[in-house]
N, C-alpha and C. Protein backbone atom coordinates (compact mmCIF):
# COMPACT_ATOMS: atom_id res chain seq x y z
N UNK A 1 14.14 68.33 109.28
CA UNK A 1 13.86 68.50 107.87
C UNK A 1 12.45 67.99 107.53
N UNK A 2 12.10 66.82 108.04
CA UNK A 2 10.78 66.28 107.76
C UNK A 2 9.70 67.15 108.38
N UNK A 3 9.97 67.71 109.55
CA UNK A 3 9.00 68.60 110.19
C UNK A 3 8.76 69.85 109.34
N UNK A 4 9.84 70.39 108.77
CA UNK A 4 9.70 71.56 107.90
C UNK A 4 8.86 71.23 106.68
N UNK A 5 9.11 70.07 106.10
CA UNK A 5 8.36 69.67 104.91
C UNK A 5 6.88 69.49 105.26
N UNK A 6 6.61 68.89 106.41
CA UNK A 6 5.24 68.69 106.84
C UNK A 6 4.54 70.04 107.05
N UNK A 7 5.20 70.96 107.75
CA UNK A 7 4.63 72.28 108.00
C UNK A 7 4.35 73.01 106.69
N UNK A 8 5.26 72.90 105.76
CA UNK A 8 5.10 73.53 104.46
C UNK A 8 3.90 72.93 103.71
N UNK A 9 3.77 71.61 103.77
CA UNK A 9 2.63 70.96 103.13
C UNK A 9 1.31 71.39 103.74
N UNK A 10 1.27 71.49 105.06
CA UNK A 10 0.05 71.92 105.75
C UNK A 10 -0.30 73.35 105.35
N UNK A 11 0.69 74.22 105.34
CA UNK A 11 0.46 75.61 104.98
C UNK A 11 0.00 75.73 103.53
N UNK A 12 0.63 74.99 102.65
CA UNK A 12 0.25 75.01 101.23
C UNK A 12 -1.18 74.53 101.05
N UNK A 13 -1.54 73.48 101.74
CA UNK A 13 -2.90 72.95 101.66
C UNK A 13 -3.92 73.98 102.16
N UNK A 14 -3.59 74.65 103.24
CA UNK A 14 -4.48 75.67 103.80
C UNK A 14 -4.66 76.84 102.83
N UNK A 15 -3.58 77.29 102.24
CA UNK A 15 -3.64 78.39 101.28
C UNK A 15 -4.48 77.99 100.07
N UNK A 16 -4.31 76.79 99.59
CA UNK A 16 -5.08 76.32 98.42
C UNK A 16 -6.57 76.22 98.74
N UNK A 17 -6.91 75.68 99.92
CA UNK A 17 -8.32 75.58 100.32
C UNK A 17 -8.94 76.96 100.47
N UNK A 18 -8.21 77.87 101.05
CA UNK A 18 -8.71 79.23 101.24
C UNK A 18 -8.92 79.91 99.89
N UNK A 19 -7.99 79.72 98.98
CA UNK A 19 -8.13 80.30 97.64
C UNK A 19 -9.37 79.76 96.94
N UNK A 20 -9.64 78.48 97.11
CA UNK A 20 -10.86 77.90 96.51
C UNK A 20 -12.11 78.53 97.11
N UNK A 21 -12.10 78.78 98.40
CA UNK A 21 -13.24 79.44 99.04
C UNK A 21 -13.43 80.85 98.52
N UNK A 22 -12.32 81.54 98.33
CA UNK A 22 -12.39 82.91 97.80
C UNK A 22 -12.91 82.88 96.36
N UNK A 23 -12.48 81.91 95.59
CA UNK A 23 -12.96 81.80 94.20
C UNK A 23 -14.46 81.60 94.15
N UNK A 24 -15.02 80.90 95.12
CA UNK A 24 -16.47 80.68 95.17
C UNK A 24 -17.22 82.00 95.32
N UNK A 25 -16.56 83.00 95.87
CA UNK A 25 -17.19 84.30 96.05
C UNK A 25 -17.12 85.18 94.81
N UNK A 26 -16.48 84.70 93.78
CA UNK A 26 -16.40 85.50 92.54
C UNK A 26 -17.73 85.49 91.79
N UNK A 27 -18.67 84.68 92.23
CA UNK A 27 -20.00 84.64 91.62
C UNK A 27 -20.61 86.04 91.71
N UNK A 28 -21.03 86.61 90.60
CA UNK A 28 -21.55 87.98 90.61
C UNK A 28 -22.70 88.20 91.60
N UNK A 29 -23.53 87.19 91.83
CA UNK A 29 -24.63 87.35 92.78
C UNK A 29 -24.12 87.58 94.19
N UNK A 30 -23.00 86.97 94.53
CA UNK A 30 -22.44 87.07 95.88
C UNK A 30 -21.66 88.36 96.09
N UNK A 31 -21.22 88.98 95.03
CA UNK A 31 -20.31 90.12 95.16
C UNK A 31 -21.02 91.43 95.49
N UNK A 32 -22.32 91.51 95.31
CA UNK A 32 -23.01 92.78 95.51
C UNK A 32 -23.75 92.86 96.84
N UNK A 33 -23.55 91.91 97.68
CA UNK A 33 -24.25 91.92 98.97
C UNK A 33 -23.31 91.53 100.09
N UNK A 34 -23.69 91.89 101.28
CA UNK A 34 -22.92 91.45 102.44
C UNK A 34 -23.03 89.94 102.50
N UNK A 35 -21.98 89.31 102.98
CA UNK A 35 -22.00 87.85 103.02
C UNK A 35 -21.78 87.35 104.44
N UNK A 36 -22.27 86.16 104.67
CA UNK A 36 -21.98 85.46 105.92
C UNK A 36 -20.76 84.59 105.63
N UNK A 37 -19.60 85.04 106.08
CA UNK A 37 -18.38 84.34 105.71
C UNK A 37 -18.33 82.93 106.28
N UNK A 38 -19.14 82.65 107.29
CA UNK A 38 -19.20 81.30 107.83
C UNK A 38 -19.72 80.30 106.81
N UNK A 39 -20.44 80.77 105.81
CA UNK A 39 -20.94 79.89 104.75
C UNK A 39 -19.87 79.53 103.74
N UNK A 40 -18.79 80.30 103.71
CA UNK A 40 -17.75 80.10 102.71
C UNK A 40 -16.41 79.68 103.29
N UNK A 41 -16.13 80.11 104.52
CA UNK A 41 -14.81 79.91 105.08
C UNK A 41 -14.86 79.14 106.39
N UNK A 42 -13.92 78.23 106.54
CA UNK A 42 -13.75 77.54 107.82
C UNK A 42 -12.91 78.45 108.72
N UNK A 43 -12.84 78.11 109.99
CA UNK A 43 -12.01 78.87 110.92
C UNK A 43 -10.55 78.83 110.45
N UNK A 44 -10.13 77.71 109.90
CA UNK A 44 -8.76 77.58 109.40
C UNK A 44 -8.51 78.51 108.22
N UNK A 45 -9.48 78.65 107.33
CA UNK A 45 -9.34 79.55 106.19
C UNK A 45 -9.28 81.00 106.63
N UNK A 46 -10.10 81.36 107.59
CA UNK A 46 -10.07 82.74 108.11
C UNK A 46 -8.73 83.01 108.79
N UNK A 47 -8.23 82.02 109.49
CA UNK A 47 -6.92 82.15 110.12
C UNK A 47 -5.83 82.34 109.07
N UNK A 48 -5.96 81.64 107.97
CA UNK A 48 -4.99 81.76 106.88
C UNK A 48 -4.98 83.19 106.33
N UNK A 49 -6.16 83.77 106.16
CA UNK A 49 -6.24 85.16 105.67
C UNK A 49 -5.64 86.11 106.70
N UNK A 50 -5.96 85.90 107.96
CA UNK A 50 -5.40 86.76 109.02
C UNK A 50 -3.88 86.69 109.03
N UNK A 51 -3.35 85.49 108.92
CA UNK A 51 -1.89 85.33 108.92
C UNK A 51 -1.25 86.03 107.72
N UNK A 52 -1.90 85.93 106.59
CA UNK A 52 -1.34 86.51 105.37
C UNK A 52 -1.30 88.04 105.45
N UNK A 53 -2.31 88.61 106.07
CA UNK A 53 -2.39 90.07 106.16
C UNK A 53 -1.89 90.63 107.49
N UNK A 54 -1.40 89.76 108.34
CA UNK A 54 -0.81 90.14 109.64
C UNK A 54 -1.70 91.10 110.41
N UNK A 55 -1.22 92.31 110.72
CA UNK A 55 -1.97 93.26 111.54
C UNK A 55 -3.30 93.67 110.90
N UNK A 56 -3.36 93.63 109.59
CA UNK A 56 -4.58 94.04 108.88
C UNK A 56 -5.56 92.89 108.68
N UNK A 57 -5.23 91.71 109.16
CA UNK A 57 -6.05 90.53 108.92
C UNK A 57 -7.51 90.69 109.32
N UNK A 58 -7.76 91.18 110.52
CA UNK A 58 -9.14 91.35 110.98
C UNK A 58 -9.87 92.39 110.14
N UNK A 59 -9.17 93.45 109.77
CA UNK A 59 -9.75 94.49 108.92
C UNK A 59 -10.12 93.91 107.56
N UNK A 60 -9.24 93.12 106.98
CA UNK A 60 -9.49 92.52 105.66
C UNK A 60 -10.71 91.60 105.73
N UNK A 61 -10.83 90.84 106.78
CA UNK A 61 -11.98 89.93 106.91
C UNK A 61 -13.27 90.74 107.05
N UNK A 62 -13.24 91.81 107.81
CA UNK A 62 -14.43 92.67 107.93
C UNK A 62 -14.78 93.29 106.58
N UNK A 63 -13.77 93.71 105.83
CA UNK A 63 -14.01 94.25 104.50
C UNK A 63 -14.57 93.18 103.57
N UNK A 64 -14.12 91.96 103.74
CA UNK A 64 -14.64 90.85 102.95
C UNK A 64 -16.13 90.66 103.22
N UNK A 65 -16.52 90.78 104.48
CA UNK A 65 -17.95 90.68 104.83
C UNK A 65 -18.76 91.80 104.19
N UNK A 66 -18.24 93.01 104.27
CA UNK A 66 -18.99 94.19 103.86
C UNK A 66 -18.94 94.45 102.34
N UNK A 67 -17.77 94.26 101.75
CA UNK A 67 -17.57 94.64 100.35
C UNK A 67 -16.85 93.53 99.57
N UNK A 68 -17.48 92.38 99.45
CA UNK A 68 -16.78 91.26 98.79
C UNK A 68 -16.33 91.58 97.36
N UNK A 69 -17.10 92.37 96.64
CA UNK A 69 -16.75 92.69 95.25
C UNK A 69 -15.37 93.33 95.15
N UNK A 70 -15.03 94.17 96.11
CA UNK A 70 -13.77 94.89 96.06
C UNK A 70 -12.61 94.11 96.68
N UNK A 71 -12.91 93.27 97.63
CA UNK A 71 -11.86 92.60 98.41
C UNK A 71 -11.46 91.24 97.83
N UNK A 72 -12.42 90.53 97.26
CA UNK A 72 -12.15 89.17 96.76
C UNK A 72 -10.97 89.13 95.78
N UNK A 73 -10.91 90.00 94.77
CA UNK A 73 -9.78 89.91 93.83
C UNK A 73 -8.43 90.13 94.51
N UNK A 74 -8.38 91.03 95.48
CA UNK A 74 -7.11 91.31 96.16
C UNK A 74 -6.68 90.14 97.04
N UNK A 75 -7.64 89.56 97.75
CA UNK A 75 -7.31 88.40 98.60
C UNK A 75 -6.85 87.24 97.73
N UNK A 76 -7.56 87.00 96.64
CA UNK A 76 -7.20 85.90 95.75
C UNK A 76 -5.80 86.11 95.18
N UNK A 77 -5.50 87.32 94.77
CA UNK A 77 -4.17 87.62 94.24
C UNK A 77 -3.09 87.35 95.29
N UNK A 78 -3.33 87.79 96.51
CA UNK A 78 -2.36 87.59 97.59
C UNK A 78 -2.17 86.10 97.89
N UNK A 79 -3.26 85.35 97.90
CA UNK A 79 -3.16 83.91 98.17
C UNK A 79 -2.43 83.18 97.04
N UNK A 80 -2.64 83.61 95.81
CA UNK A 80 -1.95 82.98 94.68
C UNK A 80 -0.45 83.26 94.75
N UNK A 81 -0.08 84.47 95.16
CA UNK A 81 1.33 84.80 95.34
C UNK A 81 1.93 83.93 96.44
N UNK A 82 1.21 83.79 97.54
CA UNK A 82 1.68 82.97 98.66
C UNK A 82 1.82 81.51 98.22
N UNK A 83 0.87 81.02 97.45
CA UNK A 83 0.95 79.64 96.97
C UNK A 83 2.20 79.44 96.11
N UNK A 84 2.49 80.38 95.23
CA UNK A 84 3.70 80.28 94.40
C UNK A 84 4.96 80.23 95.27
N UNK A 85 5.01 81.09 96.29
CA UNK A 85 6.16 81.10 97.20
C UNK A 85 6.31 79.75 97.90
N UNK A 86 5.20 79.21 98.36
CA UNK A 86 5.25 77.94 99.08
C UNK A 86 5.66 76.79 98.17
N UNK A 87 5.18 76.82 96.93
CA UNK A 87 5.57 75.78 95.97
C UNK A 87 7.06 75.86 95.69
N UNK A 88 7.58 77.07 95.54
CA UNK A 88 9.03 77.24 95.33
C UNK A 88 9.82 76.73 96.53
N UNK A 89 9.35 77.08 97.72
CA UNK A 89 10.02 76.60 98.94
C UNK A 89 9.99 75.08 99.01
N UNK A 90 8.88 74.49 98.64
CA UNK A 90 8.74 73.03 98.66
C UNK A 90 9.71 72.40 97.66
N UNK A 91 9.83 72.99 96.49
CA UNK A 91 10.75 72.46 95.48
C UNK A 91 12.20 72.54 95.97
N UNK A 92 12.55 73.64 96.64
CA UNK A 92 13.90 73.76 97.19
C UNK A 92 14.16 72.71 98.26
N UNK A 93 13.19 72.48 99.12
CA UNK A 93 13.35 71.45 100.15
C UNK A 93 13.46 70.07 99.53
N UNK A 94 12.65 69.81 98.51
CA UNK A 94 12.73 68.51 97.82
C UNK A 94 14.11 68.31 97.20
N UNK A 95 14.63 69.35 96.58
CA UNK A 95 15.95 69.27 95.95
C UNK A 95 17.02 69.00 97.02
N UNK A 96 16.95 69.73 98.12
CA UNK A 96 17.90 69.53 99.21
C UNK A 96 17.79 68.10 99.75
N UNK A 97 16.58 67.64 99.94
CA UNK A 97 16.33 66.30 100.48
C UNK A 97 16.88 65.22 99.55
N UNK A 98 16.66 65.40 98.24
CA UNK A 98 17.21 64.44 97.26
C UNK A 98 18.73 64.41 97.33
N UNK A 99 19.35 65.58 97.39
CA UNK A 99 20.81 65.66 97.49
C UNK A 99 21.32 65.01 98.76
N UNK A 100 20.63 65.23 99.85
CA UNK A 100 21.00 64.64 101.13
C UNK A 100 20.97 63.12 101.05
N UNK A 101 19.89 62.58 100.49
CA UNK A 101 19.78 61.12 100.37
C UNK A 101 20.80 60.55 99.40
N UNK A 102 21.09 61.28 98.34
CA UNK A 102 22.08 60.82 97.36
C UNK A 102 23.46 60.74 98.01
N UNK A 103 23.83 61.80 98.76
CA UNK A 103 25.12 61.78 99.46
C UNK A 103 25.17 60.62 100.45
N UNK A 104 24.09 60.46 101.16
CA UNK A 104 24.03 59.40 102.18
C UNK A 104 24.17 58.02 101.52
N UNK A 105 23.46 57.86 100.41
CA UNK A 105 23.52 56.57 99.70
C UNK A 105 24.92 56.33 99.17
N UNK A 106 25.57 57.37 98.63
CA UNK A 106 26.93 57.23 98.11
C UNK A 106 27.91 56.90 99.23
N UNK A 107 27.74 57.53 100.38
CA UNK A 107 28.67 57.26 101.48
C UNK A 107 28.48 55.84 102.00
N UNK A 108 27.24 55.37 102.02
CA UNK A 108 26.99 53.98 102.47
C UNK A 108 27.56 53.02 101.45
N UNK A 109 27.40 53.30 100.17
CA UNK A 109 27.91 52.44 99.09
C UNK A 109 29.43 52.41 99.15
N UNK A 110 30.07 53.57 99.29
CA UNK A 110 31.54 53.66 99.33
C UNK A 110 32.10 52.95 100.57
N UNK A 111 31.40 53.06 101.63
CA UNK A 111 31.85 52.44 102.89
C UNK A 111 31.84 50.91 102.80
N UNK A 112 30.90 50.39 102.04
CA UNK A 112 30.74 48.95 101.97
C UNK A 112 31.54 48.30 100.85
N UNK A 113 32.11 49.09 99.94
CA UNK A 113 32.89 48.54 98.82
C UNK A 113 34.27 48.17 99.32
N UNK A 114 34.69 46.98 98.99
CA UNK A 114 36.01 46.49 99.44
C UNK A 114 36.99 46.58 98.32
């Protein structure tokens, strides 16, 4: 359970960082020219985009290089959707974890009451 929570936190952090990098490209000066994505994205952020788009990941990144004006809004939208999903998943895990600890605490309390 703790491993799942950790993995979810790492993934959520990566998605949020990548979204921030994509937002930096919304600057109108950057949208009309080819960009060096190394100036905006870490290897981890590029990996996050590839994972999100699966088989099309490399294509999306190439399109980001060539046509940032057209691709940035779509990538940002997809990352925001992913972030919402991860936050919901995190909330469900937190709820389950709280219930688990409450049951455990109750069973320990009941066991010790004479």
